[in-house]
Amino acid sequence: MSDLLHYEDFTVGESWDLGAYSVSAEEIKSFAREFDPQFFHLDEDRAKSSVLGGLSASGWHSCGILMRLMVDGYLGRTAGMGSPGLDEVKWLKPVYAGETLRGRMTVLAKRQSKSRPEMGLVTMRWEAQSSEGETKIDMTGINLIKVRRP
């Protein structure tokens, strides 16, 4: 476990690139059929006349994509202990078929638990941006991360 990232390895103010993910029309439709079957996630022609202006991913699908980027970008190599949840999720712009999203994580705050000193609480902000630099998703929440030396 010593090769994993621990609480001590995260610094307030630092940002990490989480990599990129390309979103396909079929993936958008597949997710929508299963979990969010609204027409602007399913029907390319009808979606063009919607407020979104085209086939777009469900917000929940977008969160799943950002979660994938988080796991690949740092969580998969972190001594993680879970999460009590998210404080905020913002779907700022539609995620369209064919777009590539790039993830970023920023450490906002951190503290060691008083009742469980082996656990650190790291407040983070996660964003996904288009290749043009538009922020599409903005989330804040807490990762519980093992303290190396409680």
C-alpha atoms as a PDB file:
ATOM      1  CA  MET A   1       0.000   0.000   0.000  1.00  0.00           C
ATOM      2  CA  SER A   2       3.025   2.290   0.290  1.00  0.00           C
ATOM      3  CA  ASP A   3       3.024   2.887  -3.469  1.00  0.00           C
ATOM      4  CA  LEU A   4      -0.520   4.287  -3.328  1.00  0.00           C
ATOM      5  CA  LEU A   5      -1.315   7.966  -2.935  1.00  0.00           C
ATOM      6  CA  HIS A   6      -2.276   8.824   0.635  1.00  0.00           C
ATOM      7  CA  TYR A   7      -3.750  11.848   2.388  1.00  0.00           C
ATOM      8  CA  GLU A   8      -0.278  13.391   2.775  1.00  0.00           C
ATOM      9  CA  ASP A   9       0.246  13.316  -1.012  1.00  0.00           C
ATOM     10  CA  PHE A  10      -2.514  15.849  -1.706  1.00  0.00           C
ATOM     11  CA  THR A  11      -1.800  19.585  -1.358  1.00  0.00           C
ATOM     12  CA  VAL A  12      -4.414  22.329  -1.144  1.00  0.00           C
ATOM     13  CA  GLY A  13      -4.418  24.349  -4.355  1.00  0.00           C
ATOM     14  CA  GLU A  14      -2.838  21.723  -6.601  1.00  0.00           C
ATOM     15  CA  SER A  15      -4.587  20.638  -9.803  1.00  0.00           C
ATOM     16  CA  TRP A  16      -4.132  17.427 -11.738  1.00  0.00           C
ATOM     17  CA  ASP A  17      -5.033  16.604 -15.300  1.00  0.00           C
ATOM     18  CA  LEU A  18      -7.256  13.505 -15.394  1.00  0.00           C
ATOM     19  CA  GLY A  19      -6.910  12.652 -19.056  1.00  0.00           C
ATOM     20  CA  ALA A  20      -9.428  12.682 -21.885  1.00  0.00           C
ATOM     21  CA  TYR A  21     -12.547  10.773 -22.883  1.00  0.00           C
ATOM     22  CA  SER A  22     -14.349  10.822 -26.245  1.00  0.00           C
ATOM     23  CA  VAL A  23     -18.135  10.545 -26.182  1.00  0.00           C
ATOM     24  CA  SER A  24     -19.914   8.677 -28.986  1.00  0.00           C
ATOM     25  CA  ALA A  25     -23.516   8.999 -30.144  1.00  0.00           C
ATOM     26  CA  GLU A  26     -24.096   5.290 -29.548  1.00  0.00           C
ATOM     27  CA  GLU A  27     -22.810   5.555 -25.980  1.00  0.00           C
ATOM     28  CA  ILE A  28     -25.123   8.512 -25.321  1.00  0.00           C
ATOM     29  CA  LYS A  29     -28.126   6.611 -26.693  1.00  0.00           C
ATOM     30  CA  SER A  30     -27.244   3.401 -24.879  1.00  0.00           C
ATOM     31  CA  PHE A  31     -27.003   5.161 -21.504  1.00  0.00           C
ATOM     32  CA  ALA A  32     -30.214   7.080 -22.206  1.00  0.00           C
ATOM     33  CA  ARG A  33     -32.178   3.960 -23.154  1.00  0.00           C
ATOM     34  CA  GLU A  34     -31.233   2.417 -19.840  1.00  0.00           C
ATOM     35  CA  PHE A  35     -31.329   5.357 -17.428  1.00  0.00           C
ATOM     36  CA  ASP A  36     -32.590   8.670 -18.898  1.00  0.00           C
ATOM     37  CA  PRO A  37     -34.829   8.048 -21.935  1.00  0.00           C
ATOM     38  CA  GLN A  38     -35.537  11.646 -22.864  1.00  0.00           C
ATOM     39  CA  PHE A  39     -35.734  12.424 -26.580  1.00  0.00           C
ATOM     40  CA  PHE A  40     -32.726  14.778 -26.666  1.00  0.00           C
ATOM     41  CA  HIS A  41     -30.562  11.870 -25.465  1.00  0.00           C
ATOM     42  CA  LEU A  42     -32.082   9.360 -27.900  1.00  0.00           C
ATOM     43  CA  ASP A  43     -33.230  10.929 -31.156  1.00  0.00           C
ATOM     44  CA  GLU A  44     -30.649  12.910 -33.143  1.00  0.00           C
ATOM     45  CA  ASP A  45     -33.223  14.604 -35.397  1.00  0.00           C
ATOM     46  CA  ARG A  46     -35.592  15.671 -32.621  1.00  0.00           C
ATOM     47  CA  ALA A  47     -32.661  16.726 -30.422  1.00  0.00           C
ATOM     48  CA  LYS A  48     -31.664  19.359 -33.006  1.00  0.00           C
ATOM     49  CA  SER A  49     -34.887  21.268 -32.270  1.00  0.00           C
ATOM     50  CA  SER A  50     -34.524  20.950 -28.486  1.00  0.00           C
ATOM     51  CA  VAL A  51     -33.149  23.597 -26.144  1.00  0.00           C
ATOM     52  CA  LEU A  52     -29.885  21.562 -26.176  1.00  0.00           C
ATOM     53  CA  GLY A  53     -29.506  21.934 -29.949  1.00  0.00           C
ATOM     54  CA  GLY A  54     -28.399  18.380 -30.649  1.00  0.00           C
ATOM     55  CA  LEU A  55     -27.927  14.883 -29.313  1.00  0.00           C
ATOM     56  CA  SER A  56     -26.395  15.285 -25.874  1.00  0.00           C
ATOM     57  CA  ALA A  57     -25.406  13.094 -22.973  1.00  0.00           C
ATOM     58  CA  SER A  58     -27.561  12.864 -19.899  1.00  0.00           C
ATOM     59  CA  GLY A  59     -26.145  14.841 -16.996  1.00  0.00           C
ATOM     60  CA  TRP A  60     -25.910  11.561 -15.099  1.00  0.00           C
ATOM     61  CA  HIS A  61     -23.966  10.029 -17.973  1.00  0.00           C
ATOM     62  CA  SER A  62     -21.637  13.048 -17.904  1.00  0.00           C
ATOM     63  CA  CYS A  63     -21.070  12.456 -14.185  1.00  0.00           C
ATOM     64  CA  GLY A  64     -20.231   8.835 -14.945  1.00  0.00           C
ATOM     65  CA  ILE A  65     -17.711   9.917 -17.575  1.00  0.00           C
ATOM     66  CA  LEU A  66     -16.088  12.307 -15.093  1.00  0.00           C
ATOM     67  CA  MET A  67     -16.019   9.500 -12.513  1.00  0.00           C
ATOM     68  CA  ARG A  68     -14.172   7.315 -15.029  1.00  0.00           C
ATOM     69  CA  LEU A  69     -11.639  10.092 -15.563  1.00  0.00           C
ATOM     70  CA  MET A  70     -11.234  10.425 -11.782  1.00  0.00           C
ATOM     71  CA  VAL A  71     -10.559   6.708 -11.313  1.00  0.00           C
ATOM     72  CA  ASP A  72      -8.111   6.591 -14.210  1.00  0.00           C
ATOM     73  CA  GLY A  73      -6.498   9.905 -13.230  1.00  0.00           C
ATOM     74  CA  TYR A  74      -5.853   9.290  -9.518  1.00  0.00           C
ATOM     75  CA  LEU A  75      -8.436   7.286  -7.551  1.00  0.00           C
ATOM     76  CA  GLY A  76      -7.283   3.954  -8.961  1.00  0.00           C
ATOM     77  CA  ARG A  77      -3.876   4.500  -7.380  1.00  0.00           C
ATOM     78  CA  THR A  78      -5.094   6.098  -4.150  1.00  0.00           C
ATOM     79  CA  ALA A  79      -5.551   4.556  -0.710  1.00  0.00           C
ATOM     80  CA  GLY A  80      -9.192   5.580  -0.928  1.00  0.00           C
ATOM     81  CA  MET A  81     -11.721   4.904   1.812  1.00  0.00           C
ATOM     82  CA  GLY A  82     -14.850   6.005  -0.059  1.00  0.00           C
ATOM     83  CA  SER A  83     -16.759   9.251  -0.050  1.00  0.00           C
ATOM     84  CA  PRO A  84     -19.613  10.735   1.964  1.00  0.00           C
ATOM     85  CA  GLY A  85     -20.968  12.201  -1.273  1.00  0.00           C
ATOM     86  CA  LEU A  86     -20.976  15.270  -3.430  1.00  0.00           C
ATOM     87  CA  ASP A  87     -21.650  18.798  -2.260  1.00  0.00           C
ATOM     88  CA  GLU A  88     -22.526  20.167  -5.672  1.00  0.00           C
ATOM     89  CA  VAL A  89     -22.989  19.025  -9.266  1.00  0.00           C
ATOM     90  CA  LYS A  90     -23.414  21.542 -12.084  1.00  0.00           C
ATOM     91  CA  TRP A  91     -24.191  20.611 -15.674  1.00  0.00           C
ATOM     92  CA  LEU A  92     -23.071  23.880 -17.234  1.00  0.00           C
ATOM     93  CA  LYS A  93     -23.163  23.021 -20.958  1.00  0.00           C
ATOM     94  CA  PRO A  94     -24.459  20.062 -22.939  1.00  0.00           C
ATOM     95  CA  VAL A  95     -22.031  17.263 -23.740  1.00  0.00           C
ATOM     96  CA  TYR A  96     -22.533  16.467 -27.417  1.00  0.00           C
ATOM     97  CA  ALA A  97     -21.862  13.315 -29.375  1.00  0.00           C
ATOM     98  CA  GLY A  98     -18.386  13.406 -30.840  1.00  0.00           C
ATOM     99  CA  GLU A  99     -16.904  15.667 -28.169  1.00  0.00           C
ATOM    100  CA  THR A 100     -13.769  14.850 -26.236  1.00  0.00           C
ATOM    101  CA  LEU A 101     -13.827  15.842 -22.574  1.00  0.00           C
ATOM    102  CA  ARG A 102     -10.717  16.529 -20.529  1.00  0.00           C
ATOM    103  CA  GLY A 103     -10.897  16.151 -16.739  1.00  0.00           C
ATOM    104  CA  ARG A 104      -9.235  18.188 -14.028  1.00  0.00           C
ATOM    105  CA  MET A 105      -9.120  17.741 -10.259  1.00  0.00           C
ATOM    106  CA  THR A 106      -8.261  20.544  -7.843  1.00  0.00           C
ATOM    107  CA  VAL A 107      -7.726  20.105  -4.094  1.00  0.00           C
ATOM    108  CA  LEU A 108      -9.789  22.741  -2.282  1.00  0.00           C
ATOM    109  CA  ALA A 109      -9.275  21.769   1.371  1.00  0.00           C
ATOM    110  CA  LYS A 110      -8.156  18.904   3.561  1.00  0.00           C
ATOM    111  CA  ARG A 111      -8.284  17.856   7.180  1.00  0.00           C
ATOM    112  CA  GLN A 112      -7.592  14.780   9.214  1.00  0.00           C
ATOM    113  CA  SER A 113     -10.587  13.223  10.950  1.00  0.00           C
ATOM    114  CA  LYS A 114     -10.603  13.777  14.722  1.00  0.00           C
ATOM    115  CA  SER A 115     -12.705  10.686  15.437  1.00  0.00           C
ATOM    116  CA  ARG A 116     -10.876   8.472  12.907  1.00  0.00           C
ATOM    117  CA  PRO A 117      -7.298   9.768  12.651  1.00  0.00           C
ATOM    118  CA  GLU A 118      -6.423   7.104  10.064  1.00  0.00           C
ATOM    119  CA  MET A 119      -8.750   8.928   7.658  1.00  0.00           C
ATOM    120  CA  GLY A 120      -8.235  12.210   5.851  1.00  0.00           C
ATOM    121  CA  LEU A 121     -11.034  14.226   4.264  1.00  0.00           C
ATOM    122  CA  VAL A 122      -9.956  15.881   1.028  1.00  0.00           C
ATOM    123  CA  THR A 123     -12.422  18.333  -0.529  1.00  0.00           C
ATOM    124  CA  MET A 124     -12.017  18.408  -4.279  1.00  0.00           C
ATOM    125  CA  ARG A 125     -13.388  20.072  -7.354  1.00  0.00           C
ATOM    126  CA  TRP A 126     -13.685  18.022 -10.533  1.00  0.00           C
ATOM    127  CA  GLU A 127     -14.301  19.567 -13.936  1.00  0.00           C
ATOM    128  CA  ALA A 128     -14.728  18.253 -17.446  1.00  0.00           C
ATOM    129  CA  GLN A 129     -13.982  20.620 -20.310  1.00  0.00           C
ATOM    130  CA  SER A 130     -14.435  20.382 -24.043  1.00  0.00           C
ATOM    131  CA  SER A 131     -11.419  20.583 -26.350  1.00  0.00           C
ATOM    132  CA  GLU A 132     -12.398  24.255 -26.853  1.00  0.00           C
ATOM    133  CA  GLY A 133     -11.970  24.885 -23.124  1.00  0.00           C
ATOM    134  CA  GLU A 134     -15.667  25.156 -22.219  1.00  0.00           C
ATOM    135  CA  THR A 135     -16.435  23.736 -18.786  1.00  0.00           C
ATOM    136  CA  LYS A 136     -19.250  21.227 -19.220  1.00  0.00           C
ATOM    137  CA  ILE A 137     -19.454  19.682 -15.742  1.00  0.00           C
ATOM    138  CA  ASP A 138     -18.354  21.075 -12.384  1.00  0.00           C
ATOM    139  CA  MET A 139     -18.582  18.971  -9.206  1.00  0.00           C
ATOM    140  CA  THR A 140     -17.341  19.373  -5.646  1.00  0.00           C
ATOM    141  CA  GLY A 141     -17.182  16.708  -2.991  1.00  0.00           C
ATOM    142  CA  ILE A 142     -15.017  14.830  -0.544  1.00  0.00           C
ATOM    143  CA  ASN A 143     -12.688  11.867  -0.945  1.00  0.00           C
ATOM    144  CA  LEU A 144     -11.879   9.906   2.195  1.00  0.00           C
ATOM    145  CA  ILE A 145      -8.216   8.942   1.927  1.00  0.00           C
ATOM    146  CA  LYS A 146      -6.081   6.841   4.260  1.00  0.00           C
ATOM    147  CA  VAL A 147      -3.503   8.723   6.297  1.00  0.00           C
ATOM    148  CA  ARG A 148      -0.069   7.183   5.928  1.00  0.00           C
ATOM    149  CA  ARG A 149       0.994   7.885   9.509  1.00  0.00           C
ATOM    150  CA  PRO A 150      -2.032   8.630  11.737  1.00  0.00           C
END
